[in-house]
PDB file of N, CA and C in Angstrom:
ATOM      1  N   MET A   1      21.504 -37.895  39.161  1.00  0.00           N
ATOM      2  CA  MET A   1      20.271 -37.407  39.328  1.00  0.00           C
ATOM      3  C   MET A   1      20.160 -35.662  38.995  1.00  0.00           C
ATOM      4  N   ILE A   2      21.100 -35.311  38.141  1.00  0.00           N
ATOM      5  CA  ILE A   2      20.932 -33.741  37.783  1.00  0.00           C
ATOM      6  C   ILE A   2      20.176 -33.182  36.930  1.00  0.00           C
ATOM      7  N   GLN A   3      19.641 -34.348  36.067  1.00  0.00           N
ATOM      8  CA  GLN A   3      18.165 -33.802  35.033  1.00  0.00           C
ATOM      9  C   GLN A   3      17.281 -33.243  35.582  1.00  0.00           C
ATOM     10  N   PRO A   4      16.726 -33.806  36.464  1.00  0.00           N
ATOM     11  CA  PRO A   4      15.840 -32.467  37.190  1.00  0.00           C
ATOM     12  C   PRO A   4      15.716 -31.247  37.362  1.00  0.00           C
ATOM     13  N   THR A   5      17.102 -31.443  37.963  1.00  0.00           N
ATOM     14  CA  THR A   5      17.861 -29.824  38.191  1.00  0.00           C
ATOM     15  C   THR A   5      17.891 -29.090  37.007  1.00  0.00           C
ATOM     16  N   LEU A   6      18.453 -29.553  35.990  1.00  0.00           N
ATOM     17  CA  LEU A   6      18.764 -28.838  34.655  1.00  0.00           C
ATOM     18  C   LEU A   6      17.503 -28.428  34.263  1.00  0.00           C
ATOM     19  N   GLN A   7      16.453 -29.458  34.188  1.00  0.00           N
ATOM     20  CA  GLN A   7      15.186 -29.102  33.413  1.00  0.00           C
ATOM     21  C   GLN A   7      14.501 -27.629  34.406  1.00  0.00           C
ATOM     22  N   ALA A   8      14.746 -28.105  35.218  1.00  0.00           N
ATOM     23  CA  ALA A   8      14.083 -26.735  36.244  1.00  0.00           C
ATOM     24  C   ALA A   8      14.803 -25.657  36.028  1.00  0.00           C
ATOM     25  N   LEU A   9      15.872 -25.371  35.788  1.00  0.00           N
ATOM     26  CA  LEU A   9      16.909 -24.289  35.748  1.00  0.00           C
ATOM     27  C   LEU A   9      16.891 -23.904  34.348  1.00  0.00           C
ATOM     28  N   CYS A  10      16.352 -24.255  33.307  1.00  0.00           N
ATOM     29  CA  CYS A  10      16.348 -24.154  31.879  1.00  0.00           C
ATOM     30  C   CYS A  10      15.206 -22.705  31.766  1.00  0.00           C
ATOM     31  N   ASP A  11      14.463 -22.324  32.917  1.00  0.00           N
ATOM     32  CA  ASP A  11      13.515 -21.279  32.372  1.00  0.00           C
ATOM     33  C   ASP A  11      14.345 -20.367  33.431  1.00  0.00           C
ATOM     34  N   PRO A  12      14.535 -18.972  32.827  1.00  0.00           N
ATOM     35  CA  PRO A  12      15.068 -17.997  33.230  1.00  0.00           C
ATOM     36  C   PRO A  12      14.318 -17.334  34.919  1.00  0.00           C
ATOM     37  N   THR A  13      13.064 -17.640  34.676  1.00  0.00           N
ATOM     38  CA  THR A  13      12.131 -17.034  35.858  1.00  0.00           C
ATOM     39  C   THR A  13      12.839 -17.958  37.113  1.00  0.00           C
ATOM     40  N   ARG A  14      12.774 -19.004  36.966  1.00  0.00           N
ATOM     41  CA  ARG A  14      13.221 -20.288  37.961  1.00  0.00           C
ATOM     42  C   ARG A  14      14.527 -20.142  38.689  1.00  0.00           C
ATOM     43  N   ARG A  15      15.279 -19.567  37.216  1.00  0.00           N
ATOM     44  CA  ARG A  15      16.928 -19.059  37.980  1.00  0.00           C
ATOM     45  C   ARG A  15      17.015 -18.255  38.489  1.00  0.00           C
ATOM     46  N   GLN A  16      16.182 -16.957  38.548  1.00  0.00           N
ATOM     47  CA  GLN A  16      15.612 -15.917  39.060  1.00  0.00           C
ATOM     48  C   GLN A  16      15.446 -16.215  40.528  1.00  0.00           C
ATOM     49  N   ILE A  17      14.606 -17.056  40.568  1.00  0.00           N
ATOM     50  CA  ILE A  17      13.822 -17.377  41.883  1.00  0.00           C
ATOM     51  C   ILE A  17      14.689 -18.246  42.650  1.00  0.00           C
ATOM     52  N   VAL A  18      15.849 -18.507  42.030  1.00  0.00           N
ATOM     53  CA  VAL A  18      17.035 -19.434  42.650  1.00  0.00           C
ATOM     54  C   VAL A  18      17.833 -18.389  43.313  1.00  0.00           C
ATOM     55  N   LYS A  19      18.390 -17.738  42.657  1.00  0.00           N
ATOM     56  CA  LYS A  19      18.920 -16.612  42.934  1.00  0.00           C
ATOM     57  C   LYS A  19      18.649 -15.542  43.974  1.00  0.00           C
ATOM     58  N   LEU A  20      17.220 -15.678  43.841  1.00  0.00           N
ATOM     59  CA  LEU A  20      17.003 -14.728  45.198  1.00  0.00           C
ATOM     60  C   LEU A  20      16.637 -15.274  46.587  1.00  0.00           C
ATOM     61  N   LEU A  21      16.480 -16.949  46.449  1.00  0.00           N
ATOM     62  CA  LEU A  21      16.611 -17.675  47.621  1.00  0.00           C
ATOM     63  C   LEU A  21      17.849 -17.842  48.041  1.00  0.00           C
ATOM     64  N   ILE A  22      18.618 -17.519  47.404  1.00  0.00           N
ATOM     65  CA  ILE A  22      20.022 -17.729  47.777  1.00  0.00           C
ATOM     66  C   ILE A  22      20.188 -16.770  48.816  1.00  0.00           C
ATOM     67  N   LYS A  23      19.837 -15.959  48.889  1.00  0.00           N
ATOM     68  CA  LYS A  23      19.640 -14.504  49.711  1.00  0.00           C
ATOM     69  C   LYS A  23      19.037 -14.837  51.119  1.00  0.00           C
ATOM     70  N   GLY A  24      18.155 -15.967  51.439  1.00  0.00           N
ATOM     71  CA  GLY A  24      17.167 -16.300  52.477  1.00  0.00           C
ATOM     72  C   GLY A  24      16.101 -16.774  52.223  1.00  0.00           C
ATOM     73  N   PRO A  25      15.310 -17.426  52.881  1.00  0.00           N
ATOM     74  CA  PRO A  25      13.871 -17.823  52.777  1.00  0.00           C
ATOM     75  C   PRO A  25      13.210 -16.492  52.390  1.00  0.00           C
ATOM     76  N   ARG A  26      11.844 -16.887  51.464  1.00  0.00           N
ATOM     77  CA  ARG A  26      11.195 -15.951  51.156  1.00  0.00           C
ATOM     78  C   ARG A  26       9.467 -16.297  50.999  1.00  0.00           C
ATOM     79  N   THR A  27       8.727 -15.703  51.649  1.00  0.00           N
ATOM     80  CA  THR A  27       7.138 -15.911  51.344  1.00  0.00           C
ATOM     81  C   THR A  27       6.895 -16.047  50.105  1.00  0.00           C
ATOM     82  N   ALA A  28       5.823 -16.641  49.292  1.00  0.00           N
ATOM     83  CA  ALA A  28       5.344 -16.627  48.268  1.00  0.00           C
ATOM     84  C   ALA A  28       5.200 -15.142  47.621  1.00  0.00           C
ATOM     85  N   GLY A  29       4.504 -14.644  48.514  1.00  0.00           N
ATOM     86  CA  GLY A  29       4.257 -13.092  48.097  1.00  0.00           C
ATOM     87  C   GLY A  29       5.428 -12.225  47.920  1.00  0.00           C
ATOM     88  N   GLU A  30       6.167 -12.497  48.682  1.00  0.00           N
ATOM     89  CA  GLU A  30       7.720 -11.891  48.617  1.00  0.00           C
ATOM     90  C   GLU A  30       8.364 -12.091  47.238  1.00  0.00           C
ATOM     91  N   ILE A  31       8.548 -13.198  46.638  1.00  0.00           N
ATOM     92  CA  ILE A  31       8.918 -13.897  45.857  1.00  0.00           C
ATOM     93  C   ILE A  31       8.147 -13.190  44.544  1.00  0.00           C
ATOM     94  N   ALA A  32       6.817 -13.338  44.802  1.00  0.00           N
ATOM     95  CA  ALA A  32       5.890 -12.789  43.470  1.00  0.00           C
ATOM     96  C   ALA A  32       6.144 -11.149  43.376  1.00  0.00           C
ATOM     97  N   GLU A  33       6.536 -10.371  44.223  1.00  0.00           N
ATOM     98  CA  GLU A  33       6.479  -9.089  44.207  1.00  0.00           C
ATOM     99  C   GLU A  33       7.614  -8.767  43.347  1.00  0.00           C
ATOM    100  N   ARG A  34       8.546  -9.594  42.941  1.00  0.00           N
ATOM    101  CA  ARG A  34       9.956  -9.379  42.203  1.00  0.00           C
ATOM    102  C   ARG A  34       9.861  -9.651  40.723  1.00  0.00           C
ATOM    103  N   PHE A  35       8.546 -10.048  40.514  1.00  0.00           N
ATOM    104  CA  PHE A  35       8.451 -10.390  39.086  1.00  0.00           C
ATOM    105  C   PHE A  35       6.974  -9.745  38.277  1.00  0.00           C
ATOM    106  N   ASP A  36       7.041  -9.296  37.320  1.00  0.00           N
ATOM    107  CA  ASP A  36       5.963  -9.033  36.769  1.00  0.00           C
ATOM    108  C   ASP A  36       5.134 -10.197  35.849  1.00  0.00           C
ATOM    109  N   ILE A  37       4.865 -11.121  36.846  1.00  0.00           N
ATOM    110  CA  ILE A  37       4.102 -12.352  36.313  1.00  0.00           C
ATOM    111  C   ILE A  37       3.057 -12.513  37.455  1.00  0.00           C
ATOM    112  N   SER A  38       1.906 -13.231  37.282  1.00  0.00           N
ATOM    113  CA  SER A  38       0.837 -13.593  38.063  1.00  0.00           C
ATOM    114  C   SER A  38       1.462 -14.316  39.141  1.00  0.00           C
ATOM    115  N   SER A  39       0.694 -13.995  39.946  1.00  0.00           N
ATOM    116  CA  SER A  39       0.890 -15.242  41.067  1.00  0.00           C
ATOM    117  C   SER A  39       0.564 -16.404  40.720  1.00  0.00           C
ATOM    118  N   PRO A  40      -0.123 -17.356  40.282  1.00  0.00           N
ATOM    119  CA  PRO A  40      -0.419 -18.372  39.936  1.00  0.00           C
ATOM    120  C   PRO A  40       0.835 -19.182  39.120  1.00  0.00           C
ATOM    121  N   ALA A  41       1.271 -18.102  38.065  1.00  0.00           N
ATOM    122  CA  ALA A  41       2.397 -18.033  37.557  1.00  0.00           C
ATOM    123  C   ALA A  41       3.812 -18.678  38.229  1.00  0.00           C
ATOM    124  N   ILE A  42       3.983 -17.718  39.284  1.00  0.00           N
ATOM    125  CA  ILE A  42       4.935 -17.747  40.453  1.00  0.00           C
ATOM    126  C   ILE A  42       5.041 -19.210  41.016  1.00  0.00           C
ATOM    127  N   SER A  43       3.648 -19.566  41.289  1.00  0.00           N
ATOM    128  CA  SER A  43       3.040 -20.598  42.160  1.00  0.00           C
ATOM    129  C   SER A  43       3.690 -21.991  41.128  1.00  0.00           C
ATOM    130  N   ARG A  44       3.475 -21.965  40.226  1.00  0.00           N
ATOM    131  CA  ARG A  44       3.724 -23.009  38.942  1.00  0.00           C
ATOM    132  C   ARG A  44       5.428 -23.214  38.978  1.00  0.00           C
ATOM    133  N   HIS A  45       5.898 -22.237  38.749  1.00  0.00           N
ATOM    134  CA  HIS A  45       7.266 -22.290  39.026  1.00  0.00           C
ATOM    135  C   HIS A  45       8.077 -22.566  40.460  1.00  0.00           C
ATOM    136  N   LEU A  46       7.492 -22.519  41.488  1.00  0.00           N
ATOM    137  CA  LEU A  46       7.863 -23.040  42.492  1.00  0.00           C
ATOM    138  C   LEU A  46       7.483 -24.387  42.780  1.00  0.00           C
ATOM    139  N   SER A  47       6.464 -24.996  42.202  1.00  0.00           N
ATOM    140  CA  SER A  47       6.172 -26.287  42.067  1.00  0.00           C
ATOM    141  C   SER A  47       7.199 -26.919  41.437  1.00  0.00           C
ATOM    142  N   VAL A  48       7.746 -26.545  40.242  1.00  0.00           N
ATOM    143  CA  VAL A  48       8.504 -27.042  39.481  1.00  0.00           C
ATOM    144  C   VAL A  48       9.784 -27.071  40.205  1.00  0.00           C
ATOM    145  N   LEU A  49      10.133 -26.114  40.755  1.00  0.00           N
ATOM    146  CA  LEU A  49      11.349 -26.330  41.791  1.00  0.00           C
ATOM    147  C   LEU A  49      11.340 -26.819  42.763  1.00  0.00           C
ATOM    148  N   ARG A  50      10.340 -27.135  43.599  1.00  0.00           N
ATOM    149  CA  ARG A  50      10.007 -28.076  44.579  1.00  0.00           C
ATOM    150  C   ARG A  50       9.869 -29.656  44.233  1.00  0.00           C
ATOM    151  N   GLU A  51       9.549 -29.958  42.857  1.00  0.00           N
ATOM    152  CA  GLU A  51       9.586 -31.239  42.476  1.00  0.00           C
ATOM    153  C   GLU A  51      11.000 -31.495  41.912  1.00  0.00           C
ATOM    154  N   ALA A  52      11.784 -30.569  41.533  1.00  0.00           N
ATOM    155  CA  ALA A  52      13.446 -30.793  41.440  1.00  0.00           C
ATOM    156  C   ALA A  52      14.029 -30.784  42.437  1.00  0.00           C
ATOM    157  N   SER A  53      13.448 -30.619  43.932  1.00  0.00           N
ATOM    158  CA  SER A  53      14.174 -30.833  45.177  1.00  0.00           C
ATOM    159  C   SER A  53      15.176 -29.058  45.346  1.00  0.00           C
ATOM    160  N   LEU A  54      14.715 -28.481  44.391  1.00  0.00           N
ATOM    161  CA  LEU A  54      15.628 -27.337  44.653  1.00  0.00           C
ATOM    162  C   LEU A  54      15.604 -26.309  45.808  1.00  0.00           C
ATOM    163  N   VAL A  55      13.966 -26.267  46.139  1.00  0.00           N
ATOM    164  CA  VAL A  55      13.373 -25.571  47.032  1.00  0.00           C
ATOM    165  C   VAL A  55      12.477 -26.252  47.998  1.00  0.00           C
ATOM    166  N   GLU A  56      12.194 -26.111  49.292  1.00  0.00           N
ATOM    167  CA  GLU A  56      11.107 -26.523  49.948  1.00  0.00           C
ATOM    168  C   GLU A  56      10.483 -25.416  50.573  1.00  0.00           C
ATOM    169  N   ALA A  57       9.167 -25.980  50.729  1.00  0.00           N
ATOM    170  CA  ALA A  57       8.150 -25.043  51.502  1.00  0.00           C
ATOM    171  C   ALA A  57       7.681 -25.530  52.783  1.00  0.00           C
ATOM    172  N   ASN A  58       7.695 -24.485  53.932  1.00  0.00           N
ATOM    173  CA  ASN A  58       7.264 -24.736  55.069  1.00  0.00           C
ATOM    174  C   ASN A  58       6.130 -23.683  55.296  1.00  0.00           C
ATOM    175  N   ARG A  59       5.050 -24.083  56.072  1.00  0.00           N
ATOM    176  CA  ARG A  59       4.155 -23.376  56.131  1.00  0.00           C
ATOM    177  C   ARG A  59       4.270 -22.789  57.702  1.00  0.00           C
ATOM    178  N   ASP A  60       4.138 -21.384  57.656  1.00  0.00           N
ATOM    179  CA  ASP A  60       4.146 -20.484  58.873  1.00  0.00           C
ATOM    180  C   ASP A  60       2.940 -19.862  58.920  1.00  0.00           C
ATOM    181  N   GLY A  61       1.987 -20.487  59.780  1.00  0.00           N
ATOM    182  CA  GLY A  61       0.762 -19.749  59.828  1.00  0.00           C
ATOM    183  C   GLY A  61      -0.296 -19.857  58.508  1.00  0.00           C
ATOM    184  N   LYS A  62      -0.538 -18.697  58.057  1.00  0.00           N
ATOM    185  CA  LYS A  62      -1.109 -18.685  56.493  1.00  0.00           C
ATOM    186  C   LYS A  62      -0.136 -18.502  55.188  1.00  0.00           C
ATOM    187  N   CYS A  63       1.194 -17.991  55.745  1.00  0.00           N
ATOM    188  CA  CYS A  63       2.208 -18.317  54.609  1.00  0.00           C
ATOM    189  C   CYS A  63       3.188 -19.419  54.596  1.00  0.00           C
ATOM    190  N   ILE A  64       3.414 -19.607  53.413  1.00  0.00           N
ATOM    191  CA  ILE A  64       4.545 -20.625  53.081  1.00  0.00           C
ATOM    192  C   ILE A  64       5.516 -20.216  52.769  1.00  0.00           C
ATOM    193  N   ILE A  65       6.432 -20.630  53.277  1.00  0.00           N
ATOM    194  CA  ILE A  65       8.119 -20.028  53.508  1.00  0.00           C
ATOM    195  C   ILE A  65       9.070 -20.803  52.274  1.00  0.00           C
ATOM    196  N   TYR A  66       9.422 -20.276  51.236  1.00  0.00           N
ATOM    197  CA  TYR A  66      10.305 -21.076  50.655  1.00  0.00           C
ATOM    198  C   TYR A  66      11.695 -20.867  50.838  1.00  0.00           C
ATOM    199  N   SER A  67      12.309 -21.980  50.925  1.00  0.00           N
ATOM    200  CA  SER A  67      13.885 -22.183  51.285  1.00  0.00           C
ATOM    201  C   SER A  67      14.730 -22.730  50.052  1.00  0.00           C
ATOM    202  N   LEU A  68      15.991 -22.528  49.848  1.00  0.00           N
ATOM    203  CA  LEU A  68      16.631 -23.050  48.929  1.00  0.00           C
ATOM    204  C   LEU A  68      17.202 -24.264  49.538  1.00  0.00           C
ATOM    205  N   CYS A  69      17.570 -25.219  48.672  1.00  0.00           N
ATOM    206  CA  CYS A  69      17.912 -26.582  49.221  1.00  0.00           C
ATOM    207  C   CYS A  69      19.180 -26.661  47.985  1.00  0.00           C
ATOM    208  N   PRO A  70      20.542 -26.609  48.809  1.00  0.00           N
ATOM    209  CA  PRO A  70      21.566 -26.375  47.773  1.00  0.00           C
ATOM    210  C   PRO A  70      22.078 -27.703  47.325  1.00  0.00           C
ATOM    211  N   ASP A  71      21.676 -28.796  47.992  1.00  0.00           N
ATOM    212  CA  ASP A  71      22.454 -30.051  47.569  1.00  0.00           C
ATOM    213  C   ASP A  71      22.239 -30.410  46.005  1.00  0.00           C
ATOM    214  N   PRO A  72      21.132 -30.247  45.223  1.00  0.00           N
ATOM    215  CA  PRO A  72      21.324 -30.428  43.805  1.00  0.00           C
ATOM    216  C   PRO A  72      21.754 -29.554  42.957  1.00  0.00           C
ATOM    217  N   LEU A  73      21.997 -28.111  43.546  1.00  0.00           N
ATOM    218  CA  LEU A  73      22.896 -27.299  42.818  1.00  0.00           C
ATOM    219  C   LEU A  73      24.562 -27.692  43.108  1.00  0.00           C
ATOM    220  N   GLU A  74      24.810 -28.265  44.268  1.00  0.00           N
ATOM    221  CA  GLU A  74      26.272 -28.786  44.372  1.00  0.00           C
ATOM    222  C   GLU A  74      26.488 -30.047  43.581  1.00  0.00           C
ATOM    223  N   ASP A  75      25.615 -30.849  43.505  1.00  0.00           N
ATOM    224  CA  ASP A  75      25.607 -32.106  42.359  1.00  0.00           C
ATOM    225  C   ASP A  75      25.876 -31.446  41.347  1.00  0.00           C
ATOM    226  N   LEU A  76      25.038 -30.361  40.798  1.00  0.00           N
ATOM    227  CA  LEU A  76      25.283 -29.945  39.356  1.00  0.00           C
ATOM    228  C   LEU A  76      26.761 -29.340  39.050  1.00  0.00           C
ATOM    229  N   GLY A  77      27.160 -28.751  40.386  1.00  0.00           N
ATOM    230  CA  GLY A  77      28.310 -27.989  39.949  1.00  0.00           C
ATOM    231  C   GLY A  77      29.643 -29.068  40.021  1.00  0.00           C
ATOM    232  N   ASP A  78      29.709 -30.443  40.954  1.00  0.00           N
ATOM    233  CA  ASP A  78      30.236 -31.475  40.781  1.00  0.00           C
ATOM    234  C   ASP A  78      30.224 -32.039  39.575  1.00  0.00           C
ATOM    235  N   TRP A  79      29.331 -32.086  38.855  1.00  0.00           N
ATOM    236  CA  TRP A  79      29.105 -32.764  37.739  1.00  0.00           C
ATOM    237  C   TRP A  79      29.785 -32.072  36.605  1.00  0.00           C
ATOM    238  N   LEU A  80      29.581 -30.702  36.700  1.00  0.00           N
ATOM    239  CA  LEU A  80      30.428 -29.615  35.676  1.00  0.00           C
ATOM    240  C   LEU A  80      31.822 -29.399  35.800  1.00  0.00           C
ATOM    241  N   ARG A  81      32.219 -29.533  37.071  1.00  0.00           N
ATOM    242  CA  ARG A  81      33.471 -29.490  37.343  1.00  0.00           C
ATOM    243  C   ARG A  81      34.355 -30.943  36.844  1.00  0.00           C
ATOM    244  N   GLU A  82      33.866 -31.856  37.021  1.00  0.00           N
ATOM    245  CA  GLU A  82      34.009 -33.324  36.582  1.00  0.00           C
ATOM    246  C   GLU A  82      34.260 -33.236  35.130  1.00  0.00           C
ATOM    247  N   ILE A  83      33.483 -32.914  34.569  1.00  0.00           N
ATOM    248  CA  ILE A  83      33.288 -32.316  32.933  1.00  0.00           C
ATOM    249  C   ILE A  83      34.265 -31.505  32.107  1.00  0.00           C
ATOM    250  N   LEU A  84      34.639 -30.371  32.941  1.00  0.00           N
ATOM    251  CA  LEU A  84      35.481 -29.301  32.563  1.00  0.00           C
ATOM    252  C   LEU A  84      36.923 -30.087  32.988  1.00  0.00           C
ATOM    253  N   THR A  85      36.977 -31.013  33.723  1.00  0.00           N
ATOM    254  CA  THR A  85      38.646 -31.358  34.266  1.00  0.00           C
ATOM    255  C   THR A  85      38.704 -32.873  33.000  1.00  0.00           C
ATOM    256  N   GLU A  86      37.845 -33.242  32.649  1.00  0.00           N
ATOM    257  CA  GLU A  86      38.138 -34.173  31.452  1.00  0.00           C
ATOM    258  C   GLU A  86      38.462 -33.633  30.120  1.00  0.00           C
ATOM    259  N   ASN A  87      38.069 -32.537  30.144  1.00  0.00           N
ATOM    260  CA  ASN A  87      38.266 -31.762  28.645  1.00  0.00           C
ATOM    261  C   ASN A  87      39.541 -31.222  28.733  1.00  0.00           C
ATOM    262  N   ARG A  88      40.403 -30.896  29.745  1.00  0.00           N
ATOM    263  CA  ARG A  88      41.713 -30.549  29.762  1.00  0.00           C
ATOM    264  C   ARG A  88      42.631 -31.320  29.261  1.00  0.00           C
TER     265      ARG A  88
END
């Protein structure tokens, strides 16, 4: 199940969002502040990351808080280590 992870991470903006969320949960507004693109574009990126199970969204009043889901990244890391080990 690494294909959805790879597809989601092929975009540099989504990779930056993942790096930002490594530091802790953020609201959509806090995430959008870090980029020079529109809020709807950030929402689309967050949707792709959610569909790939890389982030989860939880409502807190009017805000949606996004947090990183590490399992897909760990699966990708395991796969990469396996590939590197086989090639030695």
